Amino acid sequence: MALSADATLNISHELFIELVIGSVGLSDLLFSGEMSIEGSKLGLVNFLTLLDKPEGVFNIVTP
Protein backbone atom coordinates (compact mmCIF):
# COMPACT_ATOMS: atom_id res chain seq x y z
CA MET A 1 0.00 0.00 0.00
CA ALA A 2 1.57 3.27 -1.12
CA LEU A 3 1.19 6.37 1.02
CA SER A 4 0.80 9.78 -0.53
CA ALA A 5 2.43 12.92 0.79
CA ASP A 6 0.30 15.73 2.20
CA ALA A 7 2.79 18.27 0.85
CA THR A 8 5.89 18.47 -1.29
CA LEU A 9 8.46 21.15 -0.53
CA ASN A 10 11.01 22.28 -3.11
CA ILE A 11 13.76 24.50 -1.66
CA SER A 12 17.38 25.28 -2.33
CA HIS A 13 20.05 23.31 -0.49
CA GLU A 14 21.27 26.46 1.24
CA LEU A 15 17.79 27.33 2.52
CA PHE A 16 17.29 23.76 3.76
CA ILE A 17 20.55 23.89 5.75
CA GLU A 18 19.58 27.27 7.25
CA LEU A 19 16.19 25.83 8.24
CA VAL A 20 17.74 22.77 9.89
CA ILE A 21 20.32 24.75 11.89
CA GLY A 22 17.71 27.27 12.96
CA SER A 23 19.04 30.43 11.32
CA VAL A 24 15.82 30.66 9.25
CA GLY A 25 12.37 30.42 10.82
CA LEU A 26 9.09 29.13 9.42
CA SER A 27 7.88 32.60 8.47
CA ASP A 28 11.15 33.25 6.60
CA LEU A 29 10.73 29.94 4.80
CA LEU A 30 7.09 30.49 3.86
CA PHE A 31 7.71 33.98 2.47
CA SER A 32 10.96 33.08 0.70
CA GLY A 33 11.13 33.25 -3.05
CA GLU A 34 13.46 30.21 -3.00
CA MET A 35 10.78 27.60 -2.39
CA SER A 36 7.56 26.15 -3.71
CA ILE A 37 4.92 24.02 -1.99
CA GLU A 38 2.62 21.52 -3.66
CA GLY A 39 -0.23 20.32 -1.47
CA SER A 40 -1.19 21.22 2.08
CA LYS A 41 0.70 24.16 3.61
CA LEU A 42 -0.80 23.22 6.99
CA GLY A 43 0.56 19.67 6.64
CA LEU A 44 4.00 21.09 5.90
CA VAL A 45 3.89 23.43 8.92
CA ASN A 46 2.78 20.51 11.13
CA PHE A 47 5.74 18.45 9.90
CA LEU A 48 8.27 21.25 10.39
CA THR A 49 7.14 21.72 14.00
CA LEU A 50 8.43 18.18 14.66
CA LEU A 51 12.04 19.25 14.01
CA ASP A 52 14.10 19.82 17.16
CA LYS A 53 16.12 22.99 17.55
CA PRO A 54 19.88 22.38 17.73
CA GLU A 55 21.38 22.83 21.20
CA GLY A 56 24.59 24.75 20.77
CA VAL A 57 27.80 23.55 19.17
CA PHE A 58 28.93 19.95 19.29
CA ASN A 59 31.75 17.90 17.80
CA ILE A 60 30.66 15.83 14.83
CA VAL A 61 33.81 13.70 15.05
CA THR A 62 35.47 13.26 18.41
CA PRO A 63 39.25 12.74 18.60
PDB file of N, CA and C in Angstrom:
ATOM      1  N   MET A   1       0.842  -1.177   0.000  1.00  0.00           N
ATOM      2  CA  MET A   1       0.000   0.000   0.000  1.00  0.00           C
ATOM      3  C   MET A   1       0.890   1.243   0.000  1.00  0.00           C
ATOM      4  N   ALA A   2       0.762   2.056  -1.000  1.00  0.00           N
ATOM      5  CA  ALA A   2       1.572   3.273  -1.121  1.00  0.00           C
ATOM      6  C   ALA A   2       0.895   4.423  -0.382  1.00  0.00           C
ATOM      7  N   LEU A   3       1.686   5.192   0.325  1.00  0.00           N
ATOM      8  CA  LEU A   3       1.187   6.370   1.023  1.00  0.00           C
ATOM      9  C   LEU A   3       1.471   7.601   0.181  1.00  0.00           C
ATOM     10  N   SER A   4       0.556   8.546   0.202  1.00  0.00           N
ATOM     11  CA  SER A   4       0.798   9.782  -0.532  1.00  0.00           C
ATOM     12  C   SER A   4       1.189  10.887   0.445  1.00  0.00           C
ATOM     13  N   ALA A   5       1.972  11.803  -0.034  1.00  0.00           N
ATOM     14  CA  ALA A   5       2.434  12.923   0.789  1.00  0.00           C
ATOM     15  C   ALA A   5       1.354  13.992   0.865  1.00  0.00           C
ATOM     16  N   ASP A   6       1.235  14.614   2.044  1.00  0.00           N
ATOM     17  CA  ASP A   6       0.304  15.731   2.201  1.00  0.00           C
ATOM     18  C   ASP A   6       0.838  16.973   1.498  1.00  0.00           C
ATOM     19  N   ALA A   7       2.171  17.093   1.464  1.00  0.00           N
ATOM     20  CA  ALA A   7       2.789  18.270   0.854  1.00  0.00           C
ATOM     21  C   ALA A   7       4.158  17.907   0.310  1.00  0.00           C
ATOM     22  N   THR A   8       4.547  18.601  -0.724  1.00  0.00           N
ATOM     23  CA  THR A   8       5.886  18.466  -1.292  1.00  0.00           C
ATOM     24  C   THR A   8       6.533  19.839  -1.249  1.00  0.00           C
ATOM     25  N   LEU A   9       7.732  19.894  -0.678  1.00  0.00           N
ATOM     26  CA  LEU A   9       8.463  21.149  -0.534  1.00  0.00           C
ATOM     27  C   LEU A   9       9.683  21.117  -1.435  1.00  0.00           C
ATOM     28  N   ASN A  10       9.834  22.121  -2.252  1.00  0.00           N
ATOM     29  CA  ASN A  10      11.010  22.276  -3.109  1.00  0.00           C
ATOM     30  C   ASN A  10      11.740  23.537  -2.671  1.00  0.00           C
ATOM     31  N   ILE A  11      12.960  23.357  -2.098  1.00  0.00           N
ATOM     32  CA  ILE A  11      13.761  24.497  -1.656  1.00  0.00           C
ATOM     33  C   ILE A  11      15.209  24.289  -2.069  1.00  0.00           C
ATOM     34  N   SER A  12      15.956  25.370  -2.016  1.00  0.00           N
ATOM     35  CA  SER A  12      17.377  25.277  -2.332  1.00  0.00           C
ATOM     36  C   SER A  12      18.109  24.565  -1.191  1.00  0.00           C
ATOM     37  N   HIS A  13      19.242  24.003  -1.492  1.00  0.00           N
ATOM     38  CA  HIS A  13      20.046  23.309  -0.485  1.00  0.00           C
ATOM     39  C   HIS A  13      20.448  24.264   0.626  1.00  0.00           C
ATOM     40  N   GLU A  14      20.845  25.473   0.261  1.00  0.00           N
ATOM     41  CA  GLU A  14      21.274  26.464   1.240  1.00  0.00           C
ATOM     42  C   GLU A  14      20.145  26.814   2.208  1.00  0.00           C
ATOM     43  N   LEU A  15      18.937  27.002   1.678  1.00  0.00           N
ATOM     44  CA  LEU A  15      17.792  27.331   2.524  1.00  0.00           C
ATOM     45  C   LEU A  15      17.435  26.164   3.440  1.00  0.00           C
ATOM     46  N   PHE A  16      17.554  24.939   2.936  1.00  0.00           N
ATOM     47  CA  PHE A  16      17.288  23.759   3.764  1.00  0.00           C
ATOM     48  C   PHE A  16      18.253  23.693   4.941  1.00  0.00           C
ATOM     49  N   ILE A  17      19.544  23.925   4.684  1.00  0.00           N
ATOM     50  CA  ILE A  17      20.546  23.894   5.752  1.00  0.00           C
ATOM     51  C   ILE A  17      20.247  24.981   6.778  1.00  0.00           C
ATOM     52  N   GLU A  18      19.917  26.178   6.331  1.00  0.00           N
ATOM     53  CA  GLU A  18      19.585  27.270   7.253  1.00  0.00           C
ATOM     54  C   GLU A  18      18.357  26.934   8.086  1.00  0.00           C
ATOM     55  N   LEU A  19      17.386  26.250   7.501  1.00  0.00           N
ATOM     56  CA  LEU A  19      16.191  25.829   8.238  1.00  0.00           C
ATOM     57  C   LEU A  19      16.549  24.806   9.304  1.00  0.00           C
ATOM     58  N   VAL A  20      17.367  23.832   8.955  1.00  0.00           N
ATOM     59  CA  VAL A  20      17.736  22.774   9.894  1.00  0.00           C
ATOM     60  C   VAL A  20      18.552  23.315  11.068  1.00  0.00           C
ATOM     61  N   ILE A  21      19.486  24.237  10.800  1.00  0.00           N
ATOM     62  CA  ILE A  21      20.324  24.747  11.887  1.00  0.00           C
ATOM     63  C   ILE A  21      19.640  25.868  12.674  1.00  0.00           C
ATOM     64  N   GLY A  22      18.480  26.310  12.203  1.00  0.00           N
ATOM     65  CA  GLY A  22      17.712  27.275  12.959  1.00  0.00           C
ATOM     66  C   GLY A  22      17.989  28.725  12.656  1.00  0.00           C
ATOM     67  N   SER A  23      18.777  29.028  11.630  1.00  0.00           N
ATOM     68  CA  SER A  23      19.037  30.433  11.315  1.00  0.00           C
ATOM     69  C   SER A  23      17.909  31.043  10.477  1.00  0.00           C
ATOM     70  N   VAL A  24      16.997  30.208   9.989  1.00  0.00           N
ATOM     71  CA  VAL A  24      15.820  30.655   9.251  1.00  0.00           C
ATOM     72  C   VAL A  24      14.599  30.063   9.940  1.00  0.00           C
ATOM     73  N   GLY A  25      13.594  30.884  10.178  1.00  0.00           N
ATOM     74  CA  GLY A  25      12.370  30.420  10.816  1.00  0.00           C
ATOM     75  C   GLY A  25      11.312  30.035   9.801  1.00  0.00           C
ATOM     76  N   LEU A  26      10.184  29.537  10.300  1.00  0.00           N
ATOM     77  CA  LEU A  26       9.089  29.131   9.421  1.00  0.00           C
ATOM     78  C   LEU A  26       8.549  30.290   8.602  1.00  0.00           C
ATOM     79  N   SER A  27       8.409  31.464   9.226  1.00  0.00           N
ATOM     80  CA  SER A  27       7.879  32.604   8.466  1.00  0.00           C
ATOM     81  C   SER A  27       8.839  33.008   7.356  1.00  0.00           C
ATOM     82  N   ASP A  28      10.160  32.949   7.643  1.00  0.00           N
ATOM     83  CA  ASP A  28      11.154  33.247   6.605  1.00  0.00           C
ATOM     84  C   ASP A  28      11.037  32.252   5.456  1.00  0.00           C
ATOM     85  N   LEU A  29      10.845  30.995   5.813  1.00  0.00           N
ATOM     86  CA  LEU A  29      10.726  29.941   4.802  1.00  0.00           C
ATOM     87  C   LEU A  29       9.482  30.142   3.943  1.00  0.00           C
ATOM     88  N   LEU A  30       8.346  30.379   4.588  1.00  0.00           N
ATOM     89  CA  LEU A  30       7.087  30.486   3.858  1.00  0.00           C
ATOM     90  C   LEU A  30       7.037  31.692   2.928  1.00  0.00           C
ATOM     91  N   PHE A  31       7.741  32.778   3.299  1.00  0.00           N
ATOM     92  CA  PHE A  31       7.714  33.976   2.466  1.00  0.00           C
ATOM     93  C   PHE A  31       8.948  34.109   1.575  1.00  0.00           C
ATOM     94  N   SER A  32       9.761  33.061   1.531  1.00  0.00           N
ATOM     95  CA  SER A  32      10.960  33.076   0.705  1.00  0.00           C
ATOM     96  C   SER A  32      10.585  32.857  -0.758  1.00  0.00           C
ATOM     97  N   GLY A  33      11.323  33.474  -1.627  1.00  0.00           N
ATOM     98  CA  GLY A  33      11.134  33.249  -3.054  1.00  0.00           C
ATOM     99  C   GLY A  33      11.898  32.032  -3.547  1.00  0.00           C
ATOM    100  N   GLU A  34      12.621  31.354  -2.636  1.00  0.00           N
ATOM    101  CA  GLU A  34      13.463  30.214  -2.998  1.00  0.00           C
ATOM    102  C   GLU A  34      12.780  28.872  -2.776  1.00  0.00           C
ATOM    103  N   MET A  35      11.469  28.858  -2.654  1.00  0.00           N
ATOM    104  CA  MET A  35      10.780  27.603  -2.394  1.00  0.00           C
ATOM    105  C   MET A  35       9.427  27.562  -3.070  1.00  0.00           C
ATOM    106  N   SER A  36       8.919  26.348  -3.229  1.00  0.00           N
ATOM    107  CA  SER A  36       7.559  26.153  -3.710  1.00  0.00           C
ATOM    108  C   SER A  36       6.951  24.977  -2.949  1.00  0.00           C
ATOM    109  N   ILE A  37       5.648  25.057  -2.733  1.00  0.00           N
ATOM    110  CA  ILE A  37       4.921  24.022  -1.994  1.00  0.00           C
ATOM    111  C   ILE A  37       3.808  23.489  -2.887  1.00  0.00           C
ATOM    112  N   GLU A  38       3.739  22.165  -2.979  1.00  0.00           N
ATOM    113  CA  GLU A  38       2.622  21.518  -3.665  1.00  0.00           C
ATOM    114  C   GLU A  38       1.855  20.743  -2.606  1.00  0.00           C
ATOM    115  N   GLY A  39       0.570  21.030  -2.460  1.00  0.00           N
ATOM    116  CA  GLY A  39      -0.232  20.320  -1.473  1.00  0.00           C
ATOM    117  C   GLY A  39      -0.561  21.202  -0.282  1.00  0.00           C
ATOM    118  N   SER A  40      -0.718  20.562   0.875  1.00  0.00           N
ATOM    119  CA  SER A  40      -1.195  21.223   2.081  1.00  0.00           C
ATOM    120  C   SER A  40      -0.100  22.011   2.793  1.00  0.00           C
ATOM    121  N   LYS A  41      -0.252  23.325   2.862  1.00  0.00           N
ATOM    122  CA  LYS A  41       0.696  24.155   3.614  1.00  0.00           C
ATOM    123  C   LYS A  41       0.594  23.846   5.106  1.00  0.00           C
ATOM    124  N   LEU A  42      -0.611  23.566   5.582  1.00  0.00           N
ATOM    125  CA  LEU A  42      -0.800  23.224   6.990  1.00  0.00           C
ATOM    126  C   LEU A  42      -0.090  21.910   7.321  1.00  0.00           C
ATOM    127  N   GLY A  43      -0.151  20.932   6.427  1.00  0.00           N
ATOM    128  CA  GLY A  43       0.562  19.670   6.637  1.00  0.00           C
ATOM    129  C   GLY A  43       2.060  19.882   6.707  1.00  0.00           C
ATOM    130  N   LEU A  44       2.579  20.768   5.882  1.00  0.00           N
ATOM    131  CA  LEU A  44       4.005  21.090   5.903  1.00  0.00           C
ATOM    132  C   LEU A  44       4.391  21.766   7.214  1.00  0.00           C
ATOM    133  N   VAL A  45       3.608  22.734   7.656  1.00  0.00           N
ATOM    134  CA  VAL A  45       3.891  23.429   8.917  1.00  0.00           C
ATOM    135  C   VAL A  45       3.846  22.433  10.072  1.00  0.00           C
ATOM    136  N   ASN A  46       2.861  21.539  10.080  1.00  0.00           N
ATOM    137  CA  ASN A  46       2.781  20.512  11.131  1.00  0.00           C
ATOM    138  C   ASN A  46       4.031  19.640  11.144  1.00  0.00           C
ATOM    139  N   PHE A  47       4.526  19.262   9.976  1.00  0.00           N
ATOM    140  CA  PHE A  47       5.742  18.448   9.901  1.00  0.00           C
ATOM    141  C   PHE A  47       6.956  19.219  10.422  1.00  0.00           C
ATOM    142  N   LEU A  48       7.096  20.465  10.001  1.00  0.00           N
ATOM    143  CA  LEU A  48       8.267  21.252  10.389  1.00  0.00           C
ATOM    144  C   LEU A  48       8.300  21.523  11.887  1.00  0.00           C
ATOM    145  N   THR A  49       7.152  21.530  12.551  1.00  0.00           N
ATOM    146  CA  THR A  49       7.144  21.720  13.999  1.00  0.00           C
ATOM    147  C   THR A  49       7.702  20.503  14.732  1.00  0.00           C
ATOM    148  N   LEU A  50       7.853  19.388  14.045  1.00  0.00           N
ATOM    149  CA  LEU A  50       8.426  18.183  14.658  1.00  0.00           C
ATOM    150  C   LEU A  50       9.948  18.238  14.742  1.00  0.00           C
ATOM    151  N   LEU A  51      10.585  19.147  13.997  1.00  0.00           N
ATOM    152  CA  LEU A  51      12.036  19.252  14.011  1.00  0.00           C
ATOM    153  C   LEU A  51      12.515  19.883  15.316  1.00  0.00           C
ATOM    154  N   ASP A  52      13.515  19.267  15.936  1.00  0.00           N
ATOM    155  CA  ASP A  52      14.098  19.818  17.156  1.00  0.00           C
ATOM    156  C   ASP A  52      15.055  20.946  16.819  1.00  0.00           C
ATOM    157  N   LYS A  53      15.149  21.910  17.700  1.00  0.00           N
ATOM    158  CA  LYS A  53      16.120  22.995  17.548  1.00  0.00           C
ATOM    159  C   LYS A  53      17.483  22.478  18.010  1.00  0.00           C
ATOM    160  N   PRO A  54      18.552  22.801  17.294  1.00  0.00           N
ATOM    161  CA  PRO A  54      19.879  22.379  17.732  1.00  0.00           C
ATOM    162  C   PRO A  54      20.260  23.050  19.051  1.00  0.00           C
ATOM    163  N   GLU A  55      20.971  22.315  19.889  1.00  0.00           N
ATOM    164  CA  GLU A  55      21.379  22.830  21.200  1.00  0.00           C
ATOM    165  C   GLU A  55      22.864  23.147  21.208  1.00  0.00           C
ATOM    166  N   GLY A  56      23.207  24.316  20.730  1.00  0.00           N
ATOM    167  CA  GLY A  56      24.593  24.752  20.771  1.00  0.00           C
ATOM    168  C   GLY A  56      25.489  24.038  19.777  1.00  0.00           C
ATOM    169  N   VAL A  57      26.776  24.124  20.046  1.00  0.00           N
ATOM    170  CA  VAL A  57      27.798  23.551  19.167  1.00  0.00           C
ATOM    171  C   VAL A  57      28.240  22.212  19.733  1.00  0.00           C
ATOM    172  N   PHE A  58      28.457  21.263  18.867  1.00  0.00           N
ATOM    173  CA  PHE A  58      28.929  19.952  19.291  1.00  0.00           C
ATOM    174  C   PHE A  58      29.903  19.407  18.272  1.00  0.00           C
ATOM    175  N   ASN A  59      30.785  18.525  18.698  1.00  0.00           N
ATOM    176  CA  ASN A  59      31.754  17.903  17.801  1.00  0.00           C
ATOM    177  C   ASN A  59      31.075  16.812  16.988  1.00  0.00           C
ATOM    178  N   ILE A  60      31.217  16.873  15.687  1.00  0.00           N
ATOM    179  CA  ILE A  60      30.657  15.830  14.834  1.00  0.00           C
ATOM    180  C   ILE A  60      31.547  14.588  14.923  1.00  0.00           C
ATOM    181  N   VAL A  61      32.851  14.792  14.909  1.00  0.00           N
ATOM    182  CA  VAL A  61      33.812  13.705  15.053  1.00  0.00           C
ATOM    183  C   VAL A  61      34.635  14.004  16.286  1.00  0.00           C
ATOM    184  N   THR A  62      34.674  13.052  17.203  1.00  0.00           N
ATOM    185  CA  THR A  62      35.473  13.260  18.409  1.00  0.00           C
ATOM    186  C   THR A  62      36.844  12.627  18.214  1.00  0.00           C
ATOM    187  N   PRO A  63      37.888  13.271  18.790  1.00  0.00           N
ATOM    188  CA  PRO A  63      39.246  12.744  18.602  1.00  0.00           C
ATOM    189  C   PRO A  63      39.470  11.441  19.349  1.00  0.00           C
TER     190      PRO A  63
END
